[in-house]
Amino acid sequence: TVAQARATYTRALMPLGDRTVGLLDEQLLFYTV
């Protein structure tokens, strides 16, 4: 559902303590900037 979004910047998910966080695609983010 996230991967097929029109403009997703999330490259992967990773565990962080008791939560799961999204890892942003820095190349796509800075390209957009």
All heavy atoms as atom14 arrays in JSON, in Angstrom:
{
  "sequence": "TVAQARATYTRALMPLGDRTVGLLDEQLLFYTV",
  "atom14_mask": [
    [1, 1, 1, 1, 1, 1, 1, 0, 0, 0, 0, 0, 0, 0],
    [1, 1, 1, 1, 1, 1, 1, 0, 0, 0, 0, 0, 0, 0],
    [1, 1, 1, 1, 1, 0, 0, 0, 0, 0, 0, 0, 0, 0],
    [1, 1, 1, 1, 1, 1, 1, 1, 1, 0, 0, 0, 0, 0],
    [1, 1, 1, 1, 1, 0, 0, 0, 0, 0, 0, 0, 0, 0],
    [1, 1, 1, 1, 1, 1, 1, 1, 1, 1, 1, 0, 0, 0],
    [1, 1, 1, 1, 1, 0, 0, 0, 0, 0, 0, 0, 0, 0],
    [1, 1, 1, 1, 1, 1, 1, 0, 0, 0, 0, 0, 0, 0],
    [1, 1, 1, 1, 1, 1, 1, 1, 1, 1, 1, 1, 0, 0],
    [1, 1, 1, 1, 1, 1, 1, 0, 0, 0, 0, 0, 0, 0],
    [1, 1, 1, 1, 1, 1, 1, 1, 1, 1, 1, 0, 0, 0],
    [1, 1, 1, 1, 1, 0, 0, 0, 0, 0, 0, 0, 0, 0],
    [1, 1, 1, 1, 1, 1, 1, 1, 0, 0, 0, 0, 0, 0],
    [1, 1, 1, 1, 1, 1, 1, 1, 0, 0, 0, 0, 0, 0],
    [1, 1, 1, 1, 1, 1, 1, 0, 0, 0, 0, 0, 0, 0],
    [1, 1, 1, 1, 1, 1, 1, 1, 0, 0, 0, 0, 0, 0],
    [1, 1, 1, 1, 0, 0, 0, 0, 0, 0, 0, 0, 0, 0],
    [1, 1, 1, 1, 1, 1, 1, 1, 0, 0, 0, 0, 0, 0],
    [1, 1, 1, 1, 1, 1, 1, 1, 1, 1, 1, 0, 0, 0],
    [1, 1, 1, 1, 1, 1, 1, 0, 0, 0, 0, 0, 0, 0],
    [1, 1, 1, 1, 1, 1, 1, 0, 0, 0, 0, 0, 0, 0],
    [1, 1, 1, 1, 0, 0, 0, 0, 0, 0, 0, 0, 0, 0],
    [1, 1, 1, 1, 1, 1, 1, 1, 0, 0, 0, 0, 0, 0],
    [1, 1, 1, 1, 1, 1, 1, 1, 0, 0, 0, 0, 0, 0],
    [1, 1, 1, 1, 1, 1, 1, 1, 0, 0, 0, 0, 0, 0],
    [1, 1, 1, 1, 1, 1, 1, 1, 1, 0, 0, 0, 0, 0],
    [1, 1, 1, 1, 1, 1, 1, 1, 1, 0, 0, 0, 0, 0],
    [1, 1, 1, 1, 1, 1, 1, 1, 0, 0, 0, 0, 0, 0],
    [1, 1, 1, 1, 1, 1, 1, 1, 0, 0, 0, 0, 0, 0],
    [1, 1, 1, 1, 1, 1, 1, 1, 1, 1, 1, 0, 0, 0],
    [1, 1, 1, 1, 1, 1, 1, 1, 1, 1, 1, 1, 0, 0],
    [1, 1, 1, 1, 1, 1, 1, 0, 0, 0, 0, 0, 0, 0],
    [1, 1, 1, 1, 1, 1, 1, 0, 0, 0, 0, 0, 0, 0]
  ],
  "atom14_positions": [
    [[0.83, -1.21, 0.0], [0.0, 0.0, 0.0], [0.86, 1.26, 0.0], [0.49, 2.28, -0.57], [-0.93, 0.03, 1.23], [-0.14, -0.14, 2.4], [-1.98, -1.05, 1.14], [0.0, 0.0, 0.0], [0.0, 0.0, 0.0], [0.0, 0.0, 0.0], [0.0, 0.0, 0.0], [0.0, 0.0, 0.0], [0.0, 0.0, 0.0], [0.0, 0.0, 0.0]],
    [[2.03, 1.2, 0.62], [2.94, 2.34, 0.63], [3.8, 2.33, -0.63], [4.0, 3.36, -1.27], [3.84, 2.32, 1.89], [4.87, 3.44, 1.83], [2.99, 2.43, 3.13], [0.0, 0.0, 0.0], [0.0, 0.0, 0.0], [0.0, 0.0, 0.0], [0.0, 0.0, 0.0], [0.0, 0.0, 0.0], [0.0, 0.0, 0.0], [0.0, 0.0, 0.0]],
    [[4.3, 1.17, -1.02], [5.19, 1.06, -2.18], [4.51, 1.51, -3.46], [5.18, 2.03, -4.37], [5.69, -0.37, -2.32], [0.0, 0.0, 0.0], [0.0, 0.0, 0.0], [0.0, 0.0, 0.0], [0.0, 0.0, 0.0], [0.0, 0.0, 0.0], [0.0, 0.0, 0.0], [0.0, 0.0, 0.0], [0.0, 0.0, 0.0], [0.0, 0.0, 0.0]],
    [[3.19, 1.34, -3.58], [2.48, 1.71, -4.8], [1.96, 3.14, -4.78], [1.34, 3.57, -5.73], [1.33, 0.73, -5.03], [1.81, -0.67, -5.32], [0.67, -1.67, -5.42], [-0.49, -1.31, -5.28], [1.01, -2.91, -5.67], [0.0, 0.0, 0.0], [0.0, 0.0, 0.0], [0.0, 0.0, 0.0], [0.0, 0.0, 0.0], [0.0, 0.0, 0.0]],
    [[2.24, 3.87, -3.73], [1.8, 5.27, -3.66], [2.46, 6.06, -4.78], [3.56, 5.74, -5.23], [2.15, 5.87, -2.3], [0.0, 0.0, 0.0], [0.0, 0.0, 0.0], [0.0, 0.0, 0.0], [0.0, 0.0, 0.0], [0.0, 0.0, 0.0], [0.0, 0.0, 0.0], [0.0, 0.0, 0.0], [0.0, 0.0, 0.0], [0.0, 0.0, 0.0]],
    [[1.81, 7.09, -5.23], [2.29, 7.88, -6.37], [3.67, 8.46, -6.14], [4.51, 8.46, -7.03], [1.28, 8.99, -6.67], [1.47, 9.58, -8.04], [0.41, 10.62, -8.36], [1.06, 11.91, -8.39], [0.7, 12.96, -7.71], [-0.34, 12.91, -6.93], [1.35, 14.08, -7.8], [0.0, 0.0, 0.0], [0.0, 0.0, 0.0], [0.0, 0.0, 0.0]],
    [[3.95, 8.97, -4.98], [5.24, 9.6, -4.71], [5.76, 9.14, -3.36], [5.82, 9.91, -2.42], [5.1, 11.12, -4.75], [0.0, 0.0, 0.0], [0.0, 0.0, 0.0], [0.0, 0.0, 0.0], [0.0, 0.0, 0.0], [0.0, 0.0, 0.0], [0.0, 0.0, 0.0], [0.0, 0.0, 0.0], [0.0, 0.0, 0.0], [0.0, 0.0, 0.0]],
    [[6.12, 7.88, -3.26], [6.6, 7.37, -1.98], [8.08, 7.66, -1.81], [8.86, 7.56, -2.74], [6.33, 5.87, -1.83], [6.72, 5.49, -0.52], [7.07, 5.02, -2.83], [0.0, 0.0, 0.0], [0.0, 0.0, 0.0], [0.0, 0.0, 0.0], [0.0, 0.0, 0.0], [0.0, 0.0, 0.0], [0.0, 0.0, 0.0], [0.0, 0.0, 0.0]],
    [[8.43, 8.07, -0.64], [9.82, 8.35, -0.31], [10.36, 7.31, 0.67], [11.5, 7.39, 1.08], [9.95, 9.75, 0.29], [9.7, 10.83, -0.73], [8.43, 11.31, -0.99], [10.76, 11.37, -1.45], [8.2, 12.28, -1.93], [10.54, 12.36, -2.39], [9.26, 12.81, -2.63], [9.04, 13.77, -3.57], [0.0, 0.0, 0.0], [0.0, 0.0, 0.0]],
    [[9.55, 6.34, 1.03], [9.95, 5.32, 1.98], [10.65, 4.18, 1.24], [10.06, 3.55, 0.37], [8.74, 4.77, 2.76], [8.03, 5.87, 3.34], [9.18, 3.82, 3.85], [0.0, 0.0, 0.0], [0.0, 0.0, 0.0], [0.0, 0.0, 0.0], [0.0, 0.0, 0.0], [0.0, 0.0, 0.0], [0.0, 0.0, 0.0], [0.0, 0.0, 0.0]],
    [[11.9, 3.95, 1.6], [12.71, 2.91, 0.94], [12.58, 1.56, 1.65], [12.6, 0.52, 1.02], [14.17, 3.36, 0.9], [15.07, 2.43, 0.14], [16.42, 3.0, -0.01], [17.14, 2.84, 1.25], [18.34, 3.32, 1.49], [18.95, 4.03, 0.58], [18.92, 3.11, 2.64], [0.0, 0.0, 0.0], [0.0, 0.0, 0.0], [0.0, 0.0, 0.0]],
    [[12.47, 1.6, 2.97], [12.38, 0.36, 3.75], [11.83, 0.69, 5.12], [11.71, 1.86, 5.5], [13.76, -0.29, 3.87], [0.0, 0.0, 0.0], [0.0, 0.0, 0.0], [0.0, 0.0, 0.0], [0.0, 0.0, 0.0], [0.0, 0.0, 0.0], [0.0, 0.0, 0.0], [0.0, 0.0, 0.0], [0.0, 0.0, 0.0], [0.0, 0.0, 0.0]],
    [[11.51, -0.35, 5.88], [11.11, -0.21, 7.27], [12.18, -0.84, 8.13], [12.82, -1.81, 7.71], [9.77, -0.89, 7.52], [8.57, -0.35, 6.74], [7.33, -1.17, 7.06], [8.34, 1.11, 7.04], [0.0, 0.0, 0.0], [0.0, 0.0, 0.0], [0.0, 0.0, 0.0], [0.0, 0.0, 0.0], [0.0, 0.0, 0.0], [0.0, 0.0, 0.0]],
    [[12.38, -0.29, 9.33], [13.38, -0.87, 10.23], [12.92, -0.78, 11.66], [12.21, 0.16, 12.03], [14.73, -0.19, 10.05], [14.75, 1.3, 10.34], [16.35, 2.01, 9.99], [16.88, 2.42, 11.63], [0.0, 0.0, 0.0], [0.0, 0.0, 0.0], [0.0, 0.0, 0.0], [0.0, 0.0, 0.0], [0.0, 0.0, 0.0], [0.0, 0.0, 0.0]],
    [[13.31, -1.77, 12.47], [12.95, -1.73, 13.89], [13.8, -0.69, 14.61], [14.98, -0.52, 14.33], [13.26, -3.14, 14.38], [14.29, -3.65, 13.43], [14.04, -2.97, 12.12], [0.0, 0.0, 0.0], [0.0, 0.0, 0.0], [0.0, 0.0, 0.0], [0.0, 0.0, 0.0], [0.0, 0.0, 0.0], [0.0, 0.0, 0.0], [0.0, 0.0, 0.0]],
    [[13.17, 0.03, 15.52], [13.87, 1.01, 16.35], [13.25, 0.95, 17.74], [12.19, 1.5, 17.97], [13.74, 2.42, 15.76], [14.51, 3.52, 16.47], [16.02, 3.24, 16.43], [14.24, 4.87, 15.82], [0.0, 0.0, 0.0], [0.0, 0.0, 0.0], [0.0, 0.0, 0.0], [0.0, 0.0, 0.0], [0.0, 0.0, 0.0], [0.0, 0.0, 0.0]],
    [[13.9, 0.21, 18.62], [13.33, -0.01, 19.95], [12.05, -0.82, 19.81], [12.03, -1.86, 19.16], [0.0, 0.0, 0.0], [0.0, 0.0, 0.0], [0.0, 0.0, 0.0], [0.0, 0.0, 0.0], [0.0, 0.0, 0.0], [0.0, 0.0, 0.0], [0.0, 0.0, 0.0], [0.0, 0.0, 0.0], [0.0, 0.0, 0.0], [0.0, 0.0, 0.0]],
    [[10.97, -0.3, 20.38], [9.69, -1.01, 20.3], [8.81, -0.5, 19.15], [7.64, -0.81, 19.08], [8.94, -0.9, 21.64], [8.63, 0.54, 22.02], [9.18, 1.46, 21.38], [7.85, 0.75, 22.96], [0.0, 0.0, 0.0], [0.0, 0.0, 0.0], [0.0, 0.0, 0.0], [0.0, 0.0, 0.0], [0.0, 0.0, 0.0], [0.0, 0.0, 0.0]],
    [[9.4, 0.28, 18.26], [8.66, 0.85, 17.13], [9.26, 0.4, 15.81], [10.39, -0.08, 15.75], [8.7, 2.38, 17.19], [8.1, 2.93, 18.48], [8.25, 4.4, 18.54], [7.18, 4.99, 17.74], [7.03, 6.29, 17.57], [7.87, 7.12, 18.12], [6.04, 6.76, 16.86], [0.0, 0.0, 0.0], [0.0, 0.0, 0.0], [0.0, 0.0, 0.0]],
    [[8.54, 0.62, 14.74], [9.04, 0.42, 13.39], [9.01, 1.78, 12.71], [8.0, 2.48, 12.77], [8.17, -0.58, 12.61], [8.19, -1.83, 13.31], [8.68, -0.77, 11.2], [0.0, 0.0, 0.0], [0.0, 0.0, 0.0], [0.0, 0.0, 0.0], [0.0, 0.0, 0.0], [0.0, 0.0, 0.0], [0.0, 0.0, 0.0], [0.0, 0.0, 0.0]],
    [[10.13, 2.16, 12.1], [10.21, 3.47, 11.45], [10.52, 3.29, 9.98], [11.07, 2.27, 9.56], [11.28, 4.37, 12.13], [10.92, 4.66, 13.56], [12.66, 3.76, 12.03], [0.0, 0.0, 0.0], [0.0, 0.0, 0.0], [0.0, 0.0, 0.0], [0.0, 0.0, 0.0], [0.0, 0.0, 0.0], [0.0, 0.0, 0.0], [0.0, 0.0, 0.0]],
    [[10.17, 4.29, 9.2], [10.45, 4.27, 7.77], [11.8, 4.88, 7.47], [12.18, 5.89, 8.06], [0.0, 0.0, 0.0], [0.0, 0.0, 0.0], [0.0, 0.0, 0.0], [0.0, 0.0, 0.0], [0.0, 0.0, 0.0], [0.0, 0.0, 0.0], [0.0, 0.0, 0.0], [0.0, 0.0, 0.0], [0.0, 0.0, 0.0], [0.0, 0.0, 0.0]],
    [[12.53, 4.26, 6.57], [13.81, 4.77, 6.1], [13.54, 5.48, 4.78], [13.06, 4.87, 3.82], [14.8, 3.61, 5.89], [16.17, 3.98, 5.36], [16.92, 4.86, 6.35], [16.96, 2.71, 5.06], [0.0, 0.0, 0.0], [0.0, 0.0, 0.0], [0.0, 0.0, 0.0], [0.0, 0.0, 0.0], [0.0, 0.0, 0.0], [0.0, 0.0, 0.0]],
    [[13.83, 6.78, 4.75], [13.55, 7.56, 3.55], [14.59, 7.31, 2.46], [15.76, 7.06, 2.75], [13.53, 9.06, 3.89], [12.43, 9.53, 4.82], [12.56, 11.02, 5.08], [11.06, 9.21, 4.26], [0.0, 0.0, 0.0], [0.0, 0.0, 0.0], [0.0, 0.0, 0.0], [0.0, 0.0, 0.0], [0.0, 0.0, 0.0], [0.0, 0.0, 0.0]],
    [[14.16, 7.42, 1.23], [15.06, 7.33, 0.07], [15.7, 8.71, -0.1], [15.08, 9.62, -0.64], [14.25, 6.94, -1.17], [15.1, 6.78, -2.4], [16.2, 7.37, -2.48], [14.66, 6.05, -3.31], [0.0, 0.0, 0.0], [0.0, 0.0, 0.0], [0.0, 0.0, 0.0], [0.0, 0.0, 0.0], [0.0, 0.0, 0.0], [0.0, 0.0, 0.0]],
    [[16.92, 8.85, 0.41], [17.56, 10.17, 0.41], [17.85, 10.68, -0.99], [17.79, 11.88, -1.24], [18.85, 10.15, 1.25], [20.04, 9.46, 0.63], [20.01, 7.94, 0.73], [19.09, 7.37, 1.32], [20.93, 7.32, 0.18], [0.0, 0.0, 0.0], [0.0, 0.0, 0.0], [0.0, 0.0, 0.0], [0.0, 0.0, 0.0], [0.0, 0.0, 0.0]],
    [[18.12, 9.8, -1.95], [18.38, 10.25, -3.32], [17.12, 10.86, -3.93], [17.18, 11.92, -4.55], [18.9, 9.1, -4.17], [20.3, 8.68, -3.75], [20.82, 7.52, -4.57], [20.04, 6.78, -5.2], [22.12, 7.35, -4.57], [0.0, 0.0, 0.0], [0.0, 0.0, 0.0], [0.0, 0.0, 0.0], [0.0, 0.0, 0.0], [0.0, 0.0, 0.0]],
    [[15.99, 10.19, -3.76], [14.73, 10.73, -4.28], [14.35, 12.02, -3.55], [13.91, 12.98, -4.18], [13.61, 9.7, -4.14], [12.23, 10.13, -4.62], [12.27, 10.55, -6.08], [11.22, 9.01, -4.39], [0.0, 0.0, 0.0], [0.0, 0.0, 0.0], [0.0, 0.0, 0.0], [0.0, 0.0, 0.0], [0.0, 0.0, 0.0], [0.0, 0.0, 0.0]],
    [[14.56, 12.06, -2.25], [14.24, 13.25, -1.48], [15.05, 14.45, -1.96], [14.5, 15.52, -2.23], [14.48, 13.0, 0.01], [14.22, 14.17, 0.93], [12.74, 14.56, 0.91], [14.65, 13.84, 2.35], [0.0, 0.0, 0.0], [0.0, 0.0, 0.0], [0.0, 0.0, 0.0], [0.0, 0.0, 0.0], [0.0, 0.0, 0.0], [0.0, 0.0, 0.0]],
    [[16.37, 14.29, -2.08], [17.2, 15.42, -2.51], [16.99, 15.76, -3.99], [17.11, 16.91, -4.38], [18.67, 15.18, -2.2], [18.97, 15.48, -0.76], [19.11, 14.48, 0.18], [19.09, 16.79, -0.33], [19.36, 14.76, 1.51], [19.34, 17.09, 0.99], [19.48, 16.07, 1.92], [0.0, 0.0, 0.0], [0.0, 0.0, 0.0], [0.0, 0.0, 0.0]],
    [[16.62, 14.79, -4.81], [16.26, 15.07, -6.19], [15.04, 15.99, -6.22], [14.98, 16.97, -6.97], [15.98, 13.77, -6.94], [15.42, 13.97, -8.33], [16.25, 14.38, -9.38], [14.07, 13.78, -8.59], [15.73, 14.58, -10.64], [13.55, 13.99, -9.85], [14.38, 14.38, -10.89], [13.87, 14.59, -12.13], [0.0, 0.0, 0.0], [0.0, 0.0, 0.0]],
    [[14.04, 15.68, -5.39], [12.84, 16.5, -5.29], [13.17, 17.91, -4.82], [12.66, 18.9, -5.35], [11.81, 15.85, -4.36], [11.51, 14.53, -4.84], [10.53, 16.66, -4.27], [0.0, 0.0, 0.0], [0.0, 0.0, 0.0], [0.0, 0.0, 0.0], [0.0, 0.0, 0.0], [0.0, 0.0, 0.0], [0.0, 0.0, 0.0], [0.0, 0.0, 0.0]],
    [[14.03, 18.01, -3.81], [14.45, 19.32, -3.3], [15.15, 20.12, -4.39], [14.86, 21.31, -4.6], [15.37, 19.16, -2.07], [16.05, 20.46, -1.69], [14.58, 18.6, -0.88], [0.0, 0.0, 0.0], [0.0, 0.0, 0.0], [0.0, 0.0, 0.0], [0.0, 0.0, 0.0], [0.0, 0.0, 0.0], [0.0, 0.0, 0.0], [0.0, 0.0, 0.0]]
  ]
}
